N, C-alpha and C. Protein backbone atom coordinates (compact mmCIF):
# COMPACT_ATOMS: atom_id res chain seq x y z
N UNK A 1 -46.76 4.81 25.08
CA UNK A 1 -45.76 3.79 25.31
C UNK A 1 -45.39 3.14 23.98
N UNK A 2 -44.13 2.88 23.82
CA UNK A 2 -43.62 2.33 22.56
C UNK A 2 -43.92 0.85 22.50
N UNK A 3 -44.31 0.40 21.33
CA UNK A 3 -44.64 -1.00 21.12
C UNK A 3 -43.37 -1.81 20.94
N UNK A 4 -43.37 -3.01 21.46
CA UNK A 4 -42.23 -3.91 21.37
C UNK A 4 -42.25 -4.65 20.04
N UNK A 5 -43.39 -4.72 19.41
CA UNK A 5 -43.55 -5.50 18.18
C UNK A 5 -42.61 -5.04 17.05
N UNK A 6 -42.48 -3.72 16.73
CA UNK A 6 -41.56 -3.32 15.67
C UNK A 6 -40.10 -3.69 15.98
N UNK A 7 -39.73 -3.59 17.23
CA UNK A 7 -38.37 -3.96 17.63
C UNK A 7 -38.13 -5.44 17.41
N UNK A 8 -39.08 -6.28 17.79
CA UNK A 8 -38.93 -7.72 17.60
C UNK A 8 -38.86 -8.07 16.12
N UNK A 9 -39.68 -7.40 15.31
CA UNK A 9 -39.65 -7.65 13.87
C UNK A 9 -38.28 -7.32 13.28
N UNK A 10 -37.69 -6.21 13.70
CA UNK A 10 -36.41 -5.79 13.14
C UNK A 10 -35.26 -6.68 13.60
N UNK A 11 -35.44 -7.38 14.70
CA UNK A 11 -34.39 -8.28 15.19
C UNK A 11 -34.57 -9.72 14.73
N UNK A 12 -35.72 -10.06 14.20
CA UNK A 12 -36.03 -11.45 13.85
C UNK A 12 -35.09 -12.01 12.78
N UNK A 13 -34.96 -11.33 11.65
CA UNK A 13 -34.15 -11.86 10.54
C UNK A 13 -32.68 -11.97 10.93
N UNK A 14 -32.06 -10.92 11.50
CA UNK A 14 -30.66 -11.08 11.90
C UNK A 14 -30.45 -12.21 12.91
N UNK A 15 -31.40 -12.39 13.80
CA UNK A 15 -31.29 -13.46 14.79
C UNK A 15 -31.35 -14.83 14.13
N UNK A 16 -32.27 -15.00 13.19
CA UNK A 16 -32.40 -16.28 12.48
C UNK A 16 -31.12 -16.57 11.69
N UNK A 17 -30.60 -15.56 11.02
CA UNK A 17 -29.37 -15.75 10.26
C UNK A 17 -28.21 -16.12 11.18
N UNK A 18 -28.11 -15.44 12.31
CA UNK A 18 -27.05 -15.73 13.27
C UNK A 18 -27.16 -17.15 13.80
N UNK A 19 -28.36 -17.54 14.21
CA UNK A 19 -28.55 -18.89 14.73
C UNK A 19 -28.30 -19.95 13.67
N UNK A 20 -28.72 -19.67 12.43
CA UNK A 20 -28.47 -20.61 11.34
C UNK A 20 -26.98 -20.80 11.11
N UNK A 21 -26.23 -19.72 11.19
CA UNK A 21 -24.78 -19.81 10.99
C UNK A 21 -24.12 -20.53 12.16
N UNK A 22 -24.59 -20.29 13.37
CA UNK A 22 -23.99 -20.92 14.54
C UNK A 22 -24.30 -22.41 14.60
N UNK A 23 -25.47 -22.81 14.15
CA UNK A 23 -25.89 -24.20 14.28
C UNK A 23 -25.52 -25.03 13.05
N UNK A 24 -24.91 -24.45 12.09
CA UNK A 24 -24.54 -25.17 10.87
C UNK A 24 -23.46 -26.19 11.18
N UNK A 25 -23.55 -27.34 10.55
CA UNK A 25 -22.57 -28.39 10.74
C UNK A 25 -21.38 -28.23 9.81
N UNK A 26 -21.49 -27.33 8.85
CA UNK A 26 -20.42 -27.11 7.89
C UNK A 26 -19.31 -26.26 8.52
N UNK A 27 -18.06 -26.65 8.31
CA UNK A 27 -16.99 -25.80 8.83
C UNK A 27 -16.91 -24.49 8.03
N UNK A 28 -16.54 -23.46 8.70
CA UNK A 28 -16.40 -22.17 8.06
C UNK A 28 -15.02 -22.12 7.40
N UNK A 29 -15.01 -21.85 6.12
CA UNK A 29 -13.76 -21.78 5.38
C UNK A 29 -13.51 -20.33 5.00
N UNK A 30 -12.37 -19.83 5.41
CA UNK A 30 -11.99 -18.46 5.09
C UNK A 30 -11.02 -18.51 3.92
N UNK A 31 -11.32 -17.78 2.88
CA UNK A 31 -10.45 -17.76 1.71
C UNK A 31 -9.13 -17.10 2.07
N UNK A 32 -8.02 -17.67 1.61
CA UNK A 32 -6.73 -17.04 1.89
C UNK A 32 -6.61 -15.72 1.13
N UNK A 33 -5.82 -14.80 1.66
CA UNK A 33 -5.66 -13.53 0.95
C UNK A 33 -4.91 -13.77 -0.36
N UNK A 34 -5.18 -12.95 -1.36
CA UNK A 34 -4.47 -13.14 -2.63
C UNK A 34 -2.99 -12.85 -2.44
N UNK A 35 -2.14 -13.53 -3.20
CA UNK A 35 -0.71 -13.27 -3.07
C UNK A 35 -0.39 -11.86 -3.56
N UNK A 36 0.61 -11.22 -2.97
CA UNK A 36 0.96 -9.87 -3.42
C UNK A 36 1.49 -9.92 -4.85
N UNK A 37 1.18 -8.88 -5.59
CA UNK A 37 1.66 -8.78 -6.97
C UNK A 37 3.11 -8.28 -6.91
N UNK A 38 4.01 -9.10 -7.37
CA UNK A 38 5.42 -8.74 -7.37
C UNK A 38 5.87 -8.59 -8.81
N UNK A 39 6.40 -7.44 -9.13
CA UNK A 39 6.92 -7.21 -10.46
C UNK A 39 8.37 -7.69 -10.48
N UNK A 40 8.71 -8.57 -11.42
CA UNK A 40 10.09 -9.05 -11.48
C UNK A 40 11.07 -7.90 -11.70
N UNK A 41 12.06 -7.82 -10.85
CA UNK A 41 13.07 -6.78 -11.00
C UNK A 41 12.73 -5.46 -10.35
N UNK A 42 11.49 -5.25 -9.98
CA UNK A 42 11.10 -4.00 -9.34
C UNK A 42 10.80 -4.25 -7.88
N UNK A 43 11.40 -3.46 -7.03
CA UNK A 43 11.16 -3.62 -5.60
C UNK A 43 10.86 -2.28 -4.96
N UNK A 44 10.28 -2.34 -3.79
CA UNK A 44 9.97 -1.13 -3.04
C UNK A 44 11.24 -0.53 -2.45
N UNK A 45 11.16 0.76 -2.19
CA UNK A 45 12.24 1.50 -1.56
C UNK A 45 11.68 2.03 -0.25
N UNK A 46 12.41 1.80 0.85
CA UNK A 46 11.91 2.17 2.17
C UNK A 46 12.64 3.38 2.72
N UNK A 47 11.94 4.12 3.59
CA UNK A 47 12.44 5.37 4.13
C UNK A 47 12.38 5.35 5.65
N UNK A 48 13.22 6.19 6.25
CA UNK A 48 13.18 6.38 7.69
C UNK A 48 12.00 7.28 8.06
N UNK A 49 11.65 7.28 9.33
CA UNK A 49 10.52 8.07 9.82
C UNK A 49 10.71 9.54 9.47
N UNK A 50 9.68 10.13 8.87
CA UNK A 50 9.62 11.56 8.58
C UNK A 50 10.74 12.01 7.63
N UNK A 51 11.24 11.10 6.80
CA UNK A 51 12.35 11.41 5.89
C UNK A 51 11.98 11.06 4.46
N UNK A 52 12.62 11.77 3.52
CA UNK A 52 12.52 11.41 2.11
C UNK A 52 13.90 11.19 1.52
N UNK A 53 14.94 11.24 2.35
CA UNK A 53 16.30 10.98 1.88
C UNK A 53 16.46 9.47 1.64
N UNK A 54 17.22 9.14 0.60
CA UNK A 54 17.42 7.74 0.24
C UNK A 54 18.45 7.09 1.16
N UNK A 55 18.10 5.93 1.68
CA UNK A 55 19.03 5.13 2.48
C UNK A 55 19.89 4.30 1.54
N UNK A 56 20.96 3.69 2.05
CA UNK A 56 21.85 2.87 1.21
C UNK A 56 21.12 1.68 0.61
N UNK A 57 20.24 1.04 1.39
CA UNK A 57 19.48 -0.09 0.84
C UNK A 57 18.53 0.38 -0.26
N UNK A 58 18.02 1.60 -0.13
CA UNK A 58 17.13 2.15 -1.15
C UNK A 58 17.90 2.42 -2.44
N UNK A 59 19.12 2.92 -2.32
CA UNK A 59 19.94 3.19 -3.49
C UNK A 59 20.21 1.89 -4.26
N UNK A 60 20.51 0.83 -3.55
CA UNK A 60 20.76 -0.46 -4.20
C UNK A 60 19.52 -0.95 -4.93
N UNK A 61 18.36 -0.83 -4.30
CA UNK A 61 17.11 -1.27 -4.94
C UNK A 61 16.78 -0.40 -6.15
N UNK A 62 17.04 0.89 -6.06
CA UNK A 62 16.78 1.78 -7.18
C UNK A 62 17.67 1.45 -8.38
N UNK A 63 18.89 1.01 -8.14
CA UNK A 63 19.77 0.59 -9.23
C UNK A 63 19.19 -0.65 -9.93
N UNK A 64 18.66 -1.57 -9.15
CA UNK A 64 18.01 -2.77 -9.71
C UNK A 64 16.78 -2.35 -10.52
N UNK A 65 15.98 -1.46 -9.95
CA UNK A 65 14.79 -0.97 -10.65
C UNK A 65 15.16 -0.26 -11.95
N UNK A 66 16.23 0.55 -11.91
CA UNK A 66 16.66 1.26 -13.11
C UNK A 66 17.10 0.29 -14.19
N UNK A 67 17.81 -0.77 -13.83
CA UNK A 67 18.22 -1.79 -14.80
C UNK A 67 17.00 -2.43 -15.45
N UNK A 68 16.00 -2.73 -14.64
CA UNK A 68 14.78 -3.34 -15.17
C UNK A 68 14.08 -2.38 -16.13
N UNK A 69 13.99 -1.11 -15.74
CA UNK A 69 13.33 -0.12 -16.58
C UNK A 69 14.08 0.09 -17.90
N UNK A 70 15.39 0.05 -17.87
CA UNK A 70 16.16 0.20 -19.10
C UNK A 70 15.99 -1.03 -20.00
N UNK A 71 15.90 -2.21 -19.40
CA UNK A 71 15.70 -3.44 -20.18
C UNK A 71 14.28 -3.55 -20.71
N UNK A 72 13.35 -2.84 -20.10
CA UNK A 72 11.94 -2.87 -20.49
C UNK A 72 11.47 -1.45 -20.82
N UNK A 73 12.18 -0.82 -21.74
CA UNK A 73 11.97 0.60 -22.03
C UNK A 73 10.56 0.92 -22.53
N UNK A 74 9.85 -0.07 -23.06
CA UNK A 74 8.50 0.19 -23.55
C UNK A 74 7.46 0.21 -22.43
N UNK A 75 7.84 -0.22 -21.25
CA UNK A 75 6.90 -0.28 -20.12
C UNK A 75 6.85 1.06 -19.40
N UNK A 76 5.69 1.37 -18.87
CA UNK A 76 5.47 2.58 -18.07
C UNK A 76 5.31 2.16 -16.61
N UNK A 77 5.82 2.99 -15.71
CA UNK A 77 5.79 2.67 -14.28
C UNK A 77 5.22 3.85 -13.50
N UNK A 78 4.43 3.53 -12.51
CA UNK A 78 3.95 4.52 -11.55
C UNK A 78 4.73 4.30 -10.26
N UNK A 79 5.29 5.36 -9.73
CA UNK A 79 5.99 5.30 -8.45
C UNK A 79 5.06 5.91 -7.41
N UNK A 80 4.59 5.08 -6.49
CA UNK A 80 3.65 5.52 -5.47
C UNK A 80 4.41 5.86 -4.19
N UNK A 81 4.15 7.04 -3.64
CA UNK A 81 4.72 7.43 -2.36
C UNK A 81 3.75 7.10 -1.24
N UNK A 82 4.27 6.43 -0.20
CA UNK A 82 3.43 6.01 0.93
C UNK A 82 4.08 6.43 2.25
N UNK A 83 3.25 6.54 3.28
CA UNK A 83 3.70 6.93 4.63
C UNK A 83 3.05 6.02 5.66
N UNK A 84 3.57 6.09 6.87
CA UNK A 84 2.87 5.40 7.95
C UNK A 84 1.73 6.29 8.45
N UNK A 85 1.00 5.80 9.42
CA UNK A 85 -0.23 6.47 9.85
C UNK A 85 -0.02 7.71 10.71
N UNK A 86 1.19 7.95 11.14
CA UNK A 86 1.45 9.10 12.00
C UNK A 86 1.52 10.37 11.17
N UNK A 87 1.04 11.46 11.70
CA UNK A 87 1.01 12.73 10.98
C UNK A 87 -0.36 12.98 10.38
N UNK A 88 -0.57 14.22 9.97
CA UNK A 88 -1.87 14.57 9.38
C UNK A 88 -1.94 14.05 7.95
N UNK A 89 -3.13 13.95 7.42
CA UNK A 89 -3.30 13.50 6.04
C UNK A 89 -2.56 14.41 5.06
N UNK A 90 -2.67 15.72 5.27
CA UNK A 90 -2.03 16.67 4.37
C UNK A 90 -0.51 16.52 4.41
N UNK A 91 0.04 16.39 5.60
CA UNK A 91 1.49 16.24 5.74
C UNK A 91 1.96 14.95 5.07
N UNK A 92 1.22 13.87 5.27
CA UNK A 92 1.63 12.58 4.71
C UNK A 92 1.50 12.54 3.19
N UNK A 93 0.52 13.23 2.63
CA UNK A 93 0.43 13.32 1.17
C UNK A 93 1.67 14.03 0.63
N UNK A 94 2.08 15.13 1.26
CA UNK A 94 3.27 15.86 0.82
C UNK A 94 4.53 15.02 1.00
N UNK A 95 4.64 14.31 2.11
CA UNK A 95 5.80 13.46 2.36
C UNK A 95 5.85 12.30 1.36
N UNK A 96 4.72 11.70 1.07
CA UNK A 96 4.66 10.63 0.08
C UNK A 96 5.07 11.13 -1.30
N UNK A 97 4.68 12.35 -1.63
CA UNK A 97 5.07 12.94 -2.91
C UNK A 97 6.58 13.15 -2.97
N UNK A 98 7.16 13.66 -1.89
CA UNK A 98 8.62 13.85 -1.86
C UNK A 98 9.34 12.50 -2.01
N UNK A 99 8.83 11.46 -1.38
CA UNK A 99 9.46 10.14 -1.48
C UNK A 99 9.40 9.59 -2.90
N UNK A 100 8.24 9.68 -3.52
CA UNK A 100 8.09 9.19 -4.89
C UNK A 100 8.99 9.99 -5.85
N UNK A 101 9.01 11.30 -5.69
CA UNK A 101 9.82 12.14 -6.56
C UNK A 101 11.31 11.88 -6.35
N UNK A 102 11.72 11.65 -5.12
CA UNK A 102 13.13 11.37 -4.84
C UNK A 102 13.56 10.08 -5.52
N UNK A 103 12.71 9.06 -5.48
CA UNK A 103 13.02 7.79 -6.14
C UNK A 103 13.11 8.00 -7.65
N UNK A 104 12.17 8.74 -8.21
CA UNK A 104 12.18 9.00 -9.65
C UNK A 104 13.43 9.78 -10.05
N UNK A 105 13.77 10.82 -9.31
CA UNK A 105 14.95 11.63 -9.63
C UNK A 105 16.21 10.78 -9.65
N UNK A 106 16.34 9.87 -8.70
CA UNK A 106 17.54 9.04 -8.64
C UNK A 106 17.61 8.13 -9.88
N UNK A 107 16.48 7.55 -10.25
CA UNK A 107 16.46 6.66 -11.41
C UNK A 107 16.73 7.44 -12.70
N UNK A 108 16.20 8.65 -12.81
CA UNK A 108 16.46 9.48 -13.98
C UNK A 108 17.96 9.79 -14.08
N UNK A 109 18.61 10.05 -12.94
CA UNK A 109 20.05 10.32 -12.93
C UNK A 109 20.86 9.09 -13.34
N UNK A 110 20.26 7.90 -13.26
CA UNK A 110 20.93 6.69 -13.72
C UNK A 110 20.71 6.45 -15.22
N UNK A 111 19.95 7.32 -15.87
CA UNK A 111 19.78 7.24 -17.31
C UNK A 111 18.45 6.73 -17.81
N UNK A 112 17.48 6.56 -16.92
CA UNK A 112 16.16 6.09 -17.34
C UNK A 112 15.35 7.28 -17.85
N UNK A 113 14.61 7.06 -18.91
CA UNK A 113 13.78 8.10 -19.52
C UNK A 113 12.71 8.55 -18.53
N UNK A 114 12.68 9.84 -18.18
CA UNK A 114 11.67 10.31 -17.21
C UNK A 114 10.23 10.16 -17.69
N UNK A 115 10.02 10.13 -19.00
CA UNK A 115 8.65 10.02 -19.49
C UNK A 115 8.08 8.61 -19.30
N UNK A 116 8.92 7.65 -18.92
CA UNK A 116 8.43 6.29 -18.68
C UNK A 116 7.91 6.11 -17.26
N UNK A 117 8.02 7.18 -16.45
CA UNK A 117 7.60 7.09 -15.05
C UNK A 117 6.72 8.28 -14.69
N UNK A 118 5.76 8.03 -13.82
CA UNK A 118 5.01 9.12 -13.20
C UNK A 118 4.88 8.80 -11.72
N UNK A 119 4.63 9.83 -10.95
CA UNK A 119 4.56 9.66 -9.50
C UNK A 119 3.18 10.02 -8.99
N UNK A 120 2.84 9.42 -7.87
CA UNK A 120 1.58 9.72 -7.19
C UNK A 120 1.83 9.49 -5.70
N UNK A 121 1.14 10.24 -4.87
CA UNK A 121 1.25 10.06 -3.42
C UNK A 121 -0.08 9.59 -2.85
N UNK A 122 -0.01 8.55 -2.04
CA UNK A 122 -1.20 8.08 -1.32
C UNK A 122 -1.11 8.38 0.16
N UNK A 123 -0.02 9.00 0.60
CA UNK A 123 0.13 9.31 2.01
C UNK A 123 -0.02 8.05 2.85
N UNK A 124 -0.92 8.11 3.81
CA UNK A 124 -1.15 6.97 4.70
C UNK A 124 -2.35 6.13 4.29
N UNK A 125 -2.96 6.44 3.16
CA UNK A 125 -4.25 5.84 2.79
C UNK A 125 -4.19 4.39 2.35
N UNK A 126 -3.05 3.89 1.91
CA UNK A 126 -2.94 2.51 1.43
C UNK A 126 -1.81 1.79 2.14
N UNK A 127 -1.99 1.46 3.40
CA UNK A 127 -0.89 0.79 4.12
C UNK A 127 -0.65 -0.62 3.58
N UNK A 128 0.61 -1.00 3.56
CA UNK A 128 0.98 -2.37 3.18
C UNK A 128 0.82 -3.29 4.39
N UNK A 129 1.28 -2.83 5.53
CA UNK A 129 1.21 -3.61 6.76
C UNK A 129 0.21 -2.97 7.70
N UNK A 130 -0.65 -3.80 8.27
CA UNK A 130 -1.62 -3.31 9.23
C UNK A 130 -1.03 -3.48 10.61
N UNK A 131 -1.03 -2.44 11.37
CA UNK A 131 -0.50 -2.50 12.73
C UNK A 131 -0.18 -1.11 13.21
N UNK A 132 -0.02 -0.99 14.50
CA UNK A 132 0.26 0.30 15.11
C UNK A 132 1.56 0.21 15.90
N UNK A 133 2.60 -0.29 15.23
CA UNK A 133 3.91 -0.41 15.86
C UNK A 133 4.99 -0.13 14.82
N UNK A 134 6.22 -0.04 15.27
CA UNK A 134 7.32 0.33 14.38
C UNK A 134 7.51 -0.67 13.24
N UNK A 135 7.28 -1.93 13.51
CA UNK A 135 7.44 -2.95 12.47
C UNK A 135 6.49 -2.68 11.29
N UNK A 136 5.23 -2.40 11.58
CA UNK A 136 4.26 -2.11 10.53
C UNK A 136 4.56 -0.75 9.88
N UNK A 137 4.87 0.24 10.69
CA UNK A 137 5.13 1.58 10.16
C UNK A 137 6.32 1.56 9.20
N UNK A 138 7.36 0.80 9.53
CA UNK A 138 8.56 0.75 8.68
C UNK A 138 8.23 0.19 7.30
N UNK A 139 7.30 -0.75 7.24
CA UNK A 139 6.91 -1.33 5.95
C UNK A 139 6.03 -0.38 5.13
N UNK A 140 5.38 0.54 5.80
CA UNK A 140 4.47 1.46 5.12
C UNK A 140 5.18 2.73 4.62
N UNK A 141 6.37 3.01 5.09
CA UNK A 141 7.13 4.19 4.64
C UNK A 141 7.92 3.76 3.41
N UNK A 142 7.32 3.95 2.22
CA UNK A 142 7.95 3.36 1.04
C UNK A 142 7.57 4.12 -0.24
N UNK A 143 8.37 3.83 -1.26
CA UNK A 143 8.02 4.18 -2.64
C UNK A 143 7.78 2.84 -3.32
N UNK A 144 6.58 2.67 -3.85
CA UNK A 144 6.16 1.39 -4.43
C UNK A 144 6.08 1.54 -5.95
N UNK A 145 6.63 0.57 -6.68
CA UNK A 145 6.69 0.62 -8.14
C UNK A 145 5.61 -0.29 -8.73
N UNK A 146 4.79 0.29 -9.59
CA UNK A 146 3.69 -0.45 -10.22
C UNK A 146 3.83 -0.31 -11.74
N UNK A 147 3.85 -1.44 -12.44
CA UNK A 147 3.92 -1.41 -13.90
C UNK A 147 2.51 -1.19 -14.45
N UNK A 148 2.38 -0.21 -15.35
CA UNK A 148 1.07 0.08 -15.96
C UNK A 148 0.75 -0.97 -17.01
């Protein structure tokens, strides 16, 4: 027959910690999340579901990004391709790569030096918005610009 003593010993410390936290008179303070890092002049470009074609709003943002890159020619930028959670990991990595490359190609056609940019795909691995609905998914289908 199994002894109850080892089980009680293994539960003792977590129980004491739990009771100590519950009986504390101090209010629990949760630190606010850090503010998002926003690069002046650089904005994300969003895509439709399962697409890498540029939308009209994406074209406008890419023009703004290109102006910033031309004004800051010494800066290097990483264009990250992202996807929502739907689809396989392999498919989303490829789709994220197409999105990042499409954004880079458009900016290069506007006259920005291609050597100032590199692309990377994170697929669905780094969502911006947490959720399992269209609102969250739409925010996660993007090309994100990060200054090195």
